[in-house]
Amino acid sequence: MSYGLLSAAFRPADEIRALRAVSRQRVMLLSYQSRHIQHMQTALAHMNIQLANVISDIVGETGQKIVRSIIAGERDPQTLANMKNFRIKASEEEIVKSLQCNWRQEHLFALKQTVALFDAYSEQLRQCDRQLEQMLGGLNKYDSGPVDSKERSRNKNAPQFDLRTYLVRMCGVDLTRIDAIEATTALKVISEAGPNQLRFSSVKHFTSWLGLCPGTKIWVERNYLESPELGLIVLLKRYE
């Protein structure tokens, strides 16, 4: 440090760190909620309810209608199958076959609690979305919105507000125009690094900070064995 061999660590501005904290909180809540989706599927499987064979998403419209009706006391497979959305490819007969189960009380109890926990995390996620929308609104620097008004496909776990417009007004550019970059991906990068990457001297430094560069451990060990002096220099450069 005395000889200037160590560079300062990157630290975003205060408002970006606040945005990062809420964004990370939201990611954590999503991971916890996904566990309860698995628990929901497990409780159904224990009752021999094979909805996964006919419905791709148990927390979609049809899946939730059927699950919540089961919790409310509905036991007729035909009545439950009639709740299917027209987009479901499986026929009502196929859904009826998947609902031939044992209705054991202990598994119904577990299902009820799992759905309650799923709903609790859904409410916390809605609060996170409101907080993110408020924080992004305070970071708007540009008045223009997205150039095209075409509706982009939205990730089912995306925030429940127009995230793309807020990011454009914050950054001045539409990051979703980059291939394979959707609004949630752009939010993750912006909340970690902020909209201004001038603190990084090059693209290589930025991608290295993001952790996208491959490791050099094997290369260092091989060269260290061939030349200890070269290996030491590489190690020093790596930890600058």
C-alpha atoms as a PDB file:
ATOM      1  CA  MET A   1       0.000   0.000   0.000  1.00  0.00           C
ATOM      2  CA  SER A   2       2.860   2.389   0.795  1.00  0.00           C
ATOM      3  CA  TYR A   3       4.341   1.895  -2.669  1.00  0.00           C
ATOM      4  CA  GLY A   4       1.033   2.141  -4.490  1.00  0.00           C
ATOM      5  CA  LEU A   5       0.855  -1.528  -5.444  1.00  0.00           C
ATOM      6  CA  LEU A   6      -2.696  -1.892  -4.120  1.00  0.00           C
ATOM      7  CA  SER A   7      -5.576  -0.164  -5.877  1.00  0.00           C
ATOM      8  CA  ALA A   8      -8.606   1.035  -3.972  1.00  0.00           C
ATOM      9  CA  ALA A   9     -11.653  -1.216  -3.882  1.00  0.00           C
ATOM     10  CA  PHE A  10     -14.690  -0.112  -5.854  1.00  0.00           C
ATOM     11  CA  ARG A  11     -17.438   1.390  -3.694  1.00  0.00           C
ATOM     12  CA  PRO A  12     -20.640   2.628  -5.352  1.00  0.00           C
ATOM     13  CA  ALA A  13     -22.379   5.846  -4.367  1.00  0.00           C
ATOM     14  CA  ASP A  14     -24.686   5.878  -1.342  1.00  0.00           C
ATOM     15  CA  GLU A  15     -27.907   5.761  -3.367  1.00  0.00           C
ATOM     16  CA  ILE A  16     -26.617   2.801  -5.401  1.00  0.00           C
ATOM     17  CA  ARG A  17     -25.655   0.932  -2.238  1.00  0.00           C
ATOM     18  CA  ALA A  18     -29.190   1.476  -0.923  1.00  0.00           C
ATOM     19  CA  LEU A  19     -30.614   0.179  -4.216  1.00  0.00           C
ATOM     20  CA  ARG A  20     -28.238  -2.782  -4.021  1.00  0.00           C
ATOM     21  CA  ALA A  21     -29.398  -3.699  -0.517  1.00  0.00           C
ATOM     22  CA  VAL A  22     -33.074  -3.790  -1.517  1.00  0.00           C
ATOM     23  CA  SER A  23     -32.307  -5.624  -4.756  1.00  0.00           C
ATOM     24  CA  ARG A  24     -30.341  -8.282  -2.880  1.00  0.00           C
ATOM     25  CA  GLN A  25     -33.153  -8.553  -0.345  1.00  0.00           C
ATOM     26  CA  ARG A  26     -35.569  -9.254  -3.171  1.00  0.00           C
ATOM     27  CA  VAL A  27     -33.326 -11.965  -4.616  1.00  0.00           C
ATOM     28  CA  MET A  28     -33.121 -13.581  -1.179  1.00  0.00           C
ATOM     29  CA  LEU A  29     -36.916 -13.545  -0.797  1.00  0.00           C
ATOM     30  CA  LEU A  30     -37.308 -15.173  -4.216  1.00  0.00           C
ATOM     31  CA  SER A  31     -34.924 -17.966  -3.236  1.00  0.00           C
ATOM     32  CA  TYR A  32     -36.852 -18.587   0.009  1.00  0.00           C
ATOM     33  CA  GLN A  33     -40.182 -18.537  -1.832  1.00  0.00           C
ATOM     34  CA  SER A  34     -38.923 -21.064  -4.389  1.00  0.00           C
ATOM     35  CA  ARG A  35     -38.276 -23.526  -1.554  1.00  0.00           C
ATOM     36  CA  HIS A  36     -41.917 -23.394  -0.573  1.00  0.00           C
ATOM     37  CA  ILE A  37     -42.929 -24.062  -4.171  1.00  0.00           C
ATOM     38  CA  GLN A  38     -40.902 -27.271  -3.906  1.00  0.00           C
ATOM     39  CA  HIS A  39     -42.577 -28.067  -0.586  1.00  0.00           C
ATOM     40  CA  MET A  40     -45.942 -27.504  -2.255  1.00  0.00           C
ATOM     41  CA  GLN A  41     -45.049 -30.008  -4.971  1.00  0.00           C
ATOM     42  CA  THR A  42     -43.827 -32.481  -2.348  1.00  0.00           C
ATOM     43  CA  ALA A  43     -47.091 -32.310  -0.381  1.00  0.00           C
ATOM     44  CA  LEU A  44     -49.066 -32.894  -3.574  1.00  0.00           C
ATOM     45  CA  ALA A  45     -46.853 -35.814  -4.549  1.00  0.00           C
ATOM     46  CA  HIS A  46     -47.366 -37.439  -1.139  1.00  0.00           C
ATOM     47  CA  MET A  47     -51.100 -37.404  -1.850  1.00  0.00           C
ATOM     48  CA  ASN A  48     -50.425 -38.880  -5.303  1.00  0.00           C
ATOM     49  CA  ILE A  49     -51.557 -35.671  -7.018  1.00  0.00           C
ATOM     50  CA  GLN A  50     -49.528 -35.630 -10.231  1.00  0.00           C
ATOM     51  CA  LEU A  51     -50.255 -32.098 -11.442  1.00  0.00           C
ATOM     52  CA  ALA A  52     -46.655 -31.718 -12.604  1.00  0.00           C
ATOM     53  CA  ASN A  53     -47.442 -34.188 -15.404  1.00  0.00           C
ATOM     54  CA  VAL A  54     -50.139 -31.957 -16.887  1.00  0.00           C
ATOM     55  CA  ILE A  55     -49.304 -28.427 -15.661  1.00  0.00           C
ATOM     56  CA  SER A  56     -45.851 -26.968 -16.159  1.00  0.00           C
ATOM     57  CA  ASP A  57     -46.098 -24.305 -13.428  1.00  0.00           C
ATOM     58  CA  ILE A  58     -47.761 -25.141 -10.118  1.00  0.00           C
ATOM     59  CA  VAL A  59     -47.847 -21.444  -9.158  1.00  0.00           C
ATOM     60  CA  GLY A  60     -49.454 -20.418 -12.424  1.00  0.00           C
ATOM     61  CA  GLU A  61     -53.115 -19.472 -12.754  1.00  0.00           C
ATOM     62  CA  THR A  62     -54.480 -23.012 -13.194  1.00  0.00           C
ATOM     63  CA  GLY A  63     -52.167 -24.586 -10.638  1.00  0.00           C
ATOM     64  CA  GLN A  64     -53.035 -22.078  -7.953  1.00  0.00           C
ATOM     65  CA  LYS A  65     -56.777 -22.331  -8.599  1.00  0.00           C
ATOM     66  CA  ILE A  66     -56.639 -26.098  -8.159  1.00  0.00           C
ATOM     67  CA  VAL A  67     -54.332 -26.050  -5.123  1.00  0.00           C
ATOM     68  CA  ARG A  68     -56.313 -23.377  -3.287  1.00  0.00           C
ATOM     69  CA  SER A  69     -59.591 -25.121  -4.068  1.00  0.00           C
ATOM     70  CA  ILE A  70     -58.158 -28.321  -2.590  1.00  0.00           C
ATOM     71  CA  ILE A  71     -57.221 -26.424   0.565  1.00  0.00           C
ATOM     72  CA  ALA A  72     -60.736 -24.932   0.675  1.00  0.00           C
ATOM     73  CA  GLY A  73     -62.206 -28.455   0.693  1.00  0.00           C
ATOM     74  CA  GLU A  74     -62.938 -29.304  -2.929  1.00  0.00           C
ATOM     75  CA  ARG A  75     -62.372 -33.018  -3.624  1.00  0.00           C
ATOM     76  CA  ASP A  76     -64.154 -33.670  -6.922  1.00  0.00           C
ATOM     77  CA  PRO A  77     -61.463 -34.210  -9.639  1.00  0.00           C
ATOM     78  CA  GLN A  78     -63.823 -33.155 -12.424  1.00  0.00           C
ATOM     79  CA  THR A  79     -64.656 -29.859 -10.694  1.00  0.00           C
ATOM     80  CA  LEU A  80     -60.963 -29.192 -10.169  1.00  0.00           C
ATOM     81  CA  ALA A  81     -60.138 -30.067 -13.784  1.00  0.00           C
ATOM     82  CA  ASN A  82     -62.755 -27.578 -15.008  1.00  0.00           C
ATOM     83  CA  MET A  83     -60.603 -24.785 -13.571  1.00  0.00           C
ATOM     84  CA  LYS A  84     -57.932 -25.213 -16.231  1.00  0.00           C
ATOM     85  CA  ASN A  85     -56.973 -22.241 -18.369  1.00  0.00           C
ATOM     86  CA  PHE A  86     -57.533 -22.525 -22.111  1.00  0.00           C
ATOM     87  CA  ARG A  87     -53.750 -22.295 -22.621  1.00  0.00           C
ATOM     88  CA  ILE A  88     -53.200 -25.614 -20.825  1.00  0.00           C
ATOM     89  CA  LYS A  89     -52.519 -28.256 -23.460  1.00  0.00           C
ATOM     90  CA  ALA A  90     -53.576 -31.187 -21.286  1.00  0.00           C
ATOM     91  CA  SER A  91     -57.217 -32.195 -21.577  1.00  0.00           C
ATOM     92  CA  GLU A  92     -59.654 -32.231 -18.657  1.00  0.00           C
ATOM     93  CA  GLU A  93     -59.593 -36.038 -18.720  1.00  0.00           C
ATOM     94  CA  GLU A  94     -55.810 -36.033 -18.261  1.00  0.00           C
ATOM     95  CA  ILE A  95     -56.067 -33.578 -15.377  1.00  0.00           C
ATOM     96  CA  VAL A  96     -58.785 -35.702 -13.757  1.00  0.00           C
ATOM     97  CA  LYS A  97     -56.474 -38.744 -13.883  1.00  0.00           C
ATOM     98  CA  SER A  98     -53.695 -36.726 -12.209  1.00  0.00           C
ATOM     99  CA  LEU A  99     -56.073 -35.857  -9.336  1.00  0.00           C
ATOM    100  CA  GLN A 100     -56.856 -39.411  -8.276  1.00  0.00           C
ATOM    101  CA  CYS A 101     -55.295 -39.247  -4.831  1.00  0.00           C
ATOM    102  CA  ASN A 102     -55.652 -40.254  -1.166  1.00  0.00           C
ATOM    103  CA  TRP A 103     -56.389 -36.830   0.442  1.00  0.00           C
ATOM    104  CA  ARG A 104     -54.435 -37.688   3.586  1.00  0.00           C
ATOM    105  CA  GLN A 105     -55.002 -35.051   6.279  1.00  0.00           C
ATOM    106  CA  GLU A 106     -51.359 -34.690   7.306  1.00  0.00           C
ATOM    107  CA  HIS A 107     -50.345 -33.831   3.753  1.00  0.00           C
ATOM    108  CA  LEU A 108     -53.294 -31.470   3.341  1.00  0.00           C
ATOM    109  CA  PHE A 109     -52.148 -29.722   6.510  1.00  0.00           C
ATOM    110  CA  ALA A 110     -48.584 -29.427   5.143  1.00  0.00           C
ATOM    111  CA  LEU A 111     -49.932 -28.097   1.840  1.00  0.00           C
ATOM    112  CA  LYS A 112     -52.022 -25.475   3.619  1.00  0.00           C
ATOM    113  CA  GLN A 113     -49.046 -24.227   5.636  1.00  0.00           C
ATOM    114  CA  THR A 114     -46.789 -24.202   2.579  1.00  0.00           C
ATOM    115  CA  VAL A 115     -49.251 -22.109   0.584  1.00  0.00           C
ATOM    116  CA  ALA A 116     -49.556 -19.698   3.544  1.00  0.00           C
ATOM    117  CA  LEU A 117     -45.763 -19.291   3.619  1.00  0.00           C
ATOM    118  CA  PHE A 118     -45.713 -18.805  -0.159  1.00  0.00           C
ATOM    119  CA  ASP A 119     -48.292 -16.027   0.211  1.00  0.00           C
ATOM    120  CA  ALA A 120     -46.288 -14.418   3.019  1.00  0.00           C
ATOM    121  CA  TYR A 121     -43.213 -14.180   0.817  1.00  0.00           C
ATOM    122  CA  SER A 122     -45.356 -12.883  -2.042  1.00  0.00           C
ATOM    123  CA  GLU A 123     -46.466  -9.994   0.173  1.00  0.00           C
ATOM    124  CA  GLN A 124     -42.864  -9.250   1.167  1.00  0.00           C
ATOM    125  CA  LEU A 125     -41.883  -9.249  -2.513  1.00  0.00           C
ATOM    126  CA  ARG A 126     -44.668  -6.768  -3.279  1.00  0.00           C
ATOM    127  CA  GLN A 127     -43.287  -4.496  -0.567  1.00  0.00           C
ATOM    128  CA  CYS A 128     -39.805  -4.837  -2.092  1.00  0.00           C
ATOM    129  CA  ASP A 129     -41.212  -3.903  -5.495  1.00  0.00           C
ATOM    130  CA  ARG A 130     -42.823  -0.769  -4.080  1.00  0.00           C
ATOM    131  CA  GLN A 131     -39.574   0.192  -2.371  1.00  0.00           C
ATOM    132  CA  LEU A 132     -37.544  -0.418  -5.548  1.00  0.00           C
ATOM    133  CA  GLU A 133     -39.966   1.642  -7.618  1.00  0.00           C
ATOM    134  CA  GLN A 134     -39.692   4.515  -5.152  1.00  0.00           C
ATOM    135  CA  MET A 135     -35.888   4.365  -5.086  1.00  0.00           C
ATOM    136  CA  LEU A 136     -35.565   4.131  -8.869  1.00  0.00           C
ATOM    137  CA  GLY A 137     -37.940   7.062  -9.241  1.00  0.00           C
ATOM    138  CA  GLY A 138     -35.565   9.156  -7.125  1.00  0.00           C
ATOM    139  CA  LEU A 139     -32.644   8.225  -9.399  1.00  0.00           C
ATOM    140  CA  ASN A 140     -34.266   9.419 -12.644  1.00  0.00           C
ATOM    141  CA  LYS A 141     -31.934  11.763 -14.546  1.00  0.00           C
ATOM    142  CA  TYR A 142     -33.520  11.622 -17.999  1.00  0.00           C
ATOM    143  CA  ASP A 143     -37.059  12.321 -19.153  1.00  0.00           C
ATOM    144  CA  SER A 144     -37.097  10.000 -22.141  1.00  0.00           C
ATOM    145  CA  GLY A 145     -38.431   6.468 -21.951  1.00  0.00           C
ATOM    146  CA  PRO A 146     -37.802   3.401 -24.131  1.00  0.00           C
ATOM    147  CA  VAL A 147     -37.606   4.133 -27.855  1.00  0.00           C
ATOM    148  CA  ASP A 148     -39.966   1.333 -28.870  1.00  0.00           C
ATOM    149  CA  SER A 149     -43.286   0.786 -27.168  1.00  0.00           C
ATOM    150  CA  LYS A 150     -43.359  -2.927 -27.960  1.00  0.00           C
ATOM    151  CA  GLU A 151     -44.187  -5.048 -24.937  1.00  0.00           C
ATOM    152  CA  ARG A 152     -41.171  -7.148 -23.976  1.00  0.00           C
ATOM    153  CA  SER A 153     -41.608 -10.619 -22.521  1.00  0.00           C
ATOM    154  CA  ARG A 154     -41.517 -10.364 -18.743  1.00  0.00           C
ATOM    155  CA  ASN A 155     -39.856 -12.824 -16.437  1.00  0.00           C
ATOM    156  CA  LYS A 156     -42.424 -14.234 -14.020  1.00  0.00           C
ATOM    157  CA  ASN A 157     -40.159 -13.173 -11.124  1.00  0.00           C
ATOM    158  CA  ALA A 158     -39.682  -9.636 -12.460  1.00  0.00           C
ATOM    159  CA  PRO A 159     -40.820  -6.665 -10.335  1.00  0.00           C
ATOM    160  CA  GLN A 160     -44.480  -5.779 -10.789  1.00  0.00           C
ATOM    161  CA  PHE A 161     -43.891  -2.346 -12.292  1.00  0.00           C
ATOM    162  CA  ASP A 162     -42.423  -0.907 -15.496  1.00  0.00           C
ATOM    163  CA  LEU A 163     -38.809  -1.586 -14.551  1.00  0.00           C
ATOM    164  CA  ARG A 164     -37.532  -1.032 -18.088  1.00  0.00           C
ATOM    165  CA  THR A 165     -38.767   2.574 -18.212  1.00  0.00           C
ATOM    166  CA  TYR A 166     -37.232   3.394 -14.824  1.00  0.00           C
ATOM    167  CA  LEU A 167     -33.859   1.998 -15.911  1.00  0.00           C
ATOM    168  CA  VAL A 168     -33.907   3.999 -19.159  1.00  0.00           C
ATOM    169  CA  ARG A 169     -34.639   7.202 -17.244  1.00  0.00           C
ATOM    170  CA  MET A 170     -31.847   6.377 -14.822  1.00  0.00           C
ATOM    171  CA  CYS A 171     -29.158   5.404 -17.350  1.00  0.00           C
ATOM    172  CA  GLY A 172     -30.177   7.377 -20.434  1.00  0.00           C
ATOM    173  CA  VAL A 173     -30.012   4.228 -22.599  1.00  0.00           C
ATOM    174  CA  ASP A 174     -32.152   1.126 -22.979  1.00  0.00           C
ATOM    175  CA  LEU A 175     -29.971  -1.725 -21.742  1.00  0.00           C
ATOM    176  CA  THR A 176     -32.581  -4.292 -22.776  1.00  0.00           C
ATOM    177  CA  ARG A 177     -31.681  -3.620 -26.422  1.00  0.00           C
ATOM    178  CA  ILE A 178     -28.545  -5.673 -25.764  1.00  0.00           C
ATOM    179  CA  ASP A 179     -29.063  -9.294 -26.763  1.00  0.00           C
ATOM    180  CA  ALA A 180     -29.974 -11.604 -23.866  1.00  0.00           C
ATOM    181  CA  ILE A 181     -30.288  -8.672 -21.418  1.00  0.00           C
ATOM    182  CA  GLU A 182     -33.717  -8.274 -19.883  1.00  0.00           C
ATOM    183  CA  ALA A 183     -34.830  -5.674 -17.366  1.00  0.00           C
ATOM    184  CA  THR A 184     -34.141  -7.843 -14.300  1.00  0.00           C
ATOM    185  CA  THR A 185     -30.602  -8.603 -15.512  1.00  0.00           C
ATOM    186  CA  ALA A 186     -29.957  -4.918 -16.152  1.00  0.00           C
ATOM    187  CA  LEU A 187     -31.267  -4.071 -12.674  1.00  0.00           C
ATOM    188  CA  LYS A 188     -28.876  -6.557 -11.094  1.00  0.00           C
ATOM    189  CA  VAL A 189     -25.855  -5.025 -12.816  1.00  0.00           C
ATOM    190  CA  ILE A 190     -26.942  -1.427 -12.180  1.00  0.00           C
ATOM    191  CA  SER A 191     -27.751  -2.090  -8.514  1.00  0.00           C
ATOM    192  CA  GLU A 192     -24.289  -3.589  -7.994  1.00  0.00           C
ATOM    193  CA  ALA A 193     -22.138  -1.170 -10.013  1.00  0.00           C
ATOM    194  CA  GLY A 194     -24.309   1.861 -10.725  1.00  0.00           C
ATOM    195  CA  PRO A 195     -24.956   3.481 -14.127  1.00  0.00           C
ATOM    196  CA  ASN A 196     -21.440   4.962 -14.429  1.00  0.00           C
ATOM    197  CA  GLN A 197     -18.508   2.583 -14.874  1.00  0.00           C
ATOM    198  CA  LEU A 198     -15.826   5.242 -15.339  1.00  0.00           C
ATOM    199  CA  ARG A 199     -14.212   4.049 -12.115  1.00  0.00           C
ATOM    200  CA  PHE A 200     -13.028   1.019 -14.096  1.00  0.00           C
ATOM    201  CA  SER A 201     -10.120   1.711 -16.412  1.00  0.00           C
ATOM    202  CA  SER A 202     -11.258  -0.764 -19.087  1.00  0.00           C
ATOM    203  CA  VAL A 203     -13.904  -3.296 -20.006  1.00  0.00           C
ATOM    204  CA  LYS A 204     -11.531  -6.040 -18.885  1.00  0.00           C
ATOM    205  CA  HIS A 205     -11.315  -4.557 -15.400  1.00  0.00           C
ATOM    206  CA  PHE A 206     -15.099  -4.272 -15.217  1.00  0.00           C
ATOM    207  CA  THR A 207     -15.727  -7.878 -16.297  1.00  0.00           C
ATOM    208  CA  SER A 208     -13.053  -9.030 -13.872  1.00  0.00           C
ATOM    209  CA  TRP A 209     -14.799  -7.180 -11.035  1.00  0.00           C
ATOM    210  CA  LEU A 210     -18.081  -8.837 -12.071  1.00  0.00           C
ATOM    211  CA  GLY A 211     -16.403 -12.227 -11.750  1.00  0.00           C
ATOM    212  CA  LEU A 212     -16.859 -13.084 -15.431  1.00  0.00           C
ATOM    213  CA  CYS A 213     -13.171 -13.680 -16.120  1.00  0.00           C
ATOM    214  CA  PRO A 214     -11.940 -17.283 -15.914  1.00  0.00           C
ATOM    215  CA  GLY A 215      -9.628 -18.142 -13.068  1.00  0.00           C
ATOM    216  CA  THR A 216      -5.859 -18.336 -13.589  1.00  0.00           C
ATOM    217  CA  LYS A 217      -4.990 -20.702 -10.755  1.00  0.00           C
ATOM    218  CA  ILE A 218      -3.937 -23.626 -12.991  1.00  0.00           C
ATOM    219  CA  TRP A 219      -1.941 -21.340 -15.282  1.00  0.00           C
ATOM    220  CA  VAL A 220      -0.155 -19.758 -12.305  1.00  0.00           C
ATOM    221  CA  GLU A 221       0.721 -23.105 -10.735  1.00  0.00           C
ATOM    222  CA  ARG A 222       2.116 -24.466 -14.016  1.00  0.00           C
ATOM    223  CA  ASN A 223       4.243 -21.397 -14.668  1.00  0.00           C
ATOM    224  CA  TYR A 224       5.323 -21.211 -11.048  1.00  0.00           C
ATOM    225  CA  LEU A 225       6.726 -24.729 -11.301  1.00  0.00           C
ATOM    226  CA  GLU A 226       8.576 -23.828 -14.503  1.00  0.00           C
ATOM    227  CA  SER A 227       9.763 -20.446 -13.286  1.00  0.00           C
ATOM    228  CA  PRO A 228       9.333 -19.429  -9.612  1.00  0.00           C
ATOM    229  CA  GLU A 229      10.211 -15.791 -10.423  1.00  0.00           C
ATOM    230  CA  LEU A 230       7.524 -15.573 -13.117  1.00  0.00           C
ATOM    231  CA  GLY A 231       4.970 -17.257 -10.905  1.00  0.00           C
ATOM    232  CA  LEU A 232       5.633 -14.783  -8.081  1.00  0.00           C
ATOM    233  CA  ILE A 233       5.206 -11.827 -10.437  1.00  0.00           C
ATOM    234  CA  VAL A 234       1.900 -13.239 -11.688  1.00  0.00           C
ATOM    235  CA  LEU A 235       0.664 -13.720  -8.137  1.00  0.00           C
ATOM    236  CA  LEU A 236       1.586 -10.143  -7.234  1.00  0.00           C
ATOM    237  CA  LYS A 237      -0.150  -8.781 -10.321  1.00  0.00           C
ATOM    238  CA  ARG A 238      -3.229 -10.855  -9.548  1.00  0.00           C
ATOM    239  CA  TYR A 239      -3.655  -9.289  -6.105  1.00  0.00           C
ATOM    240  CA  GLU A 240      -2.926  -5.681  -7.090  1.00  0.00           C
END
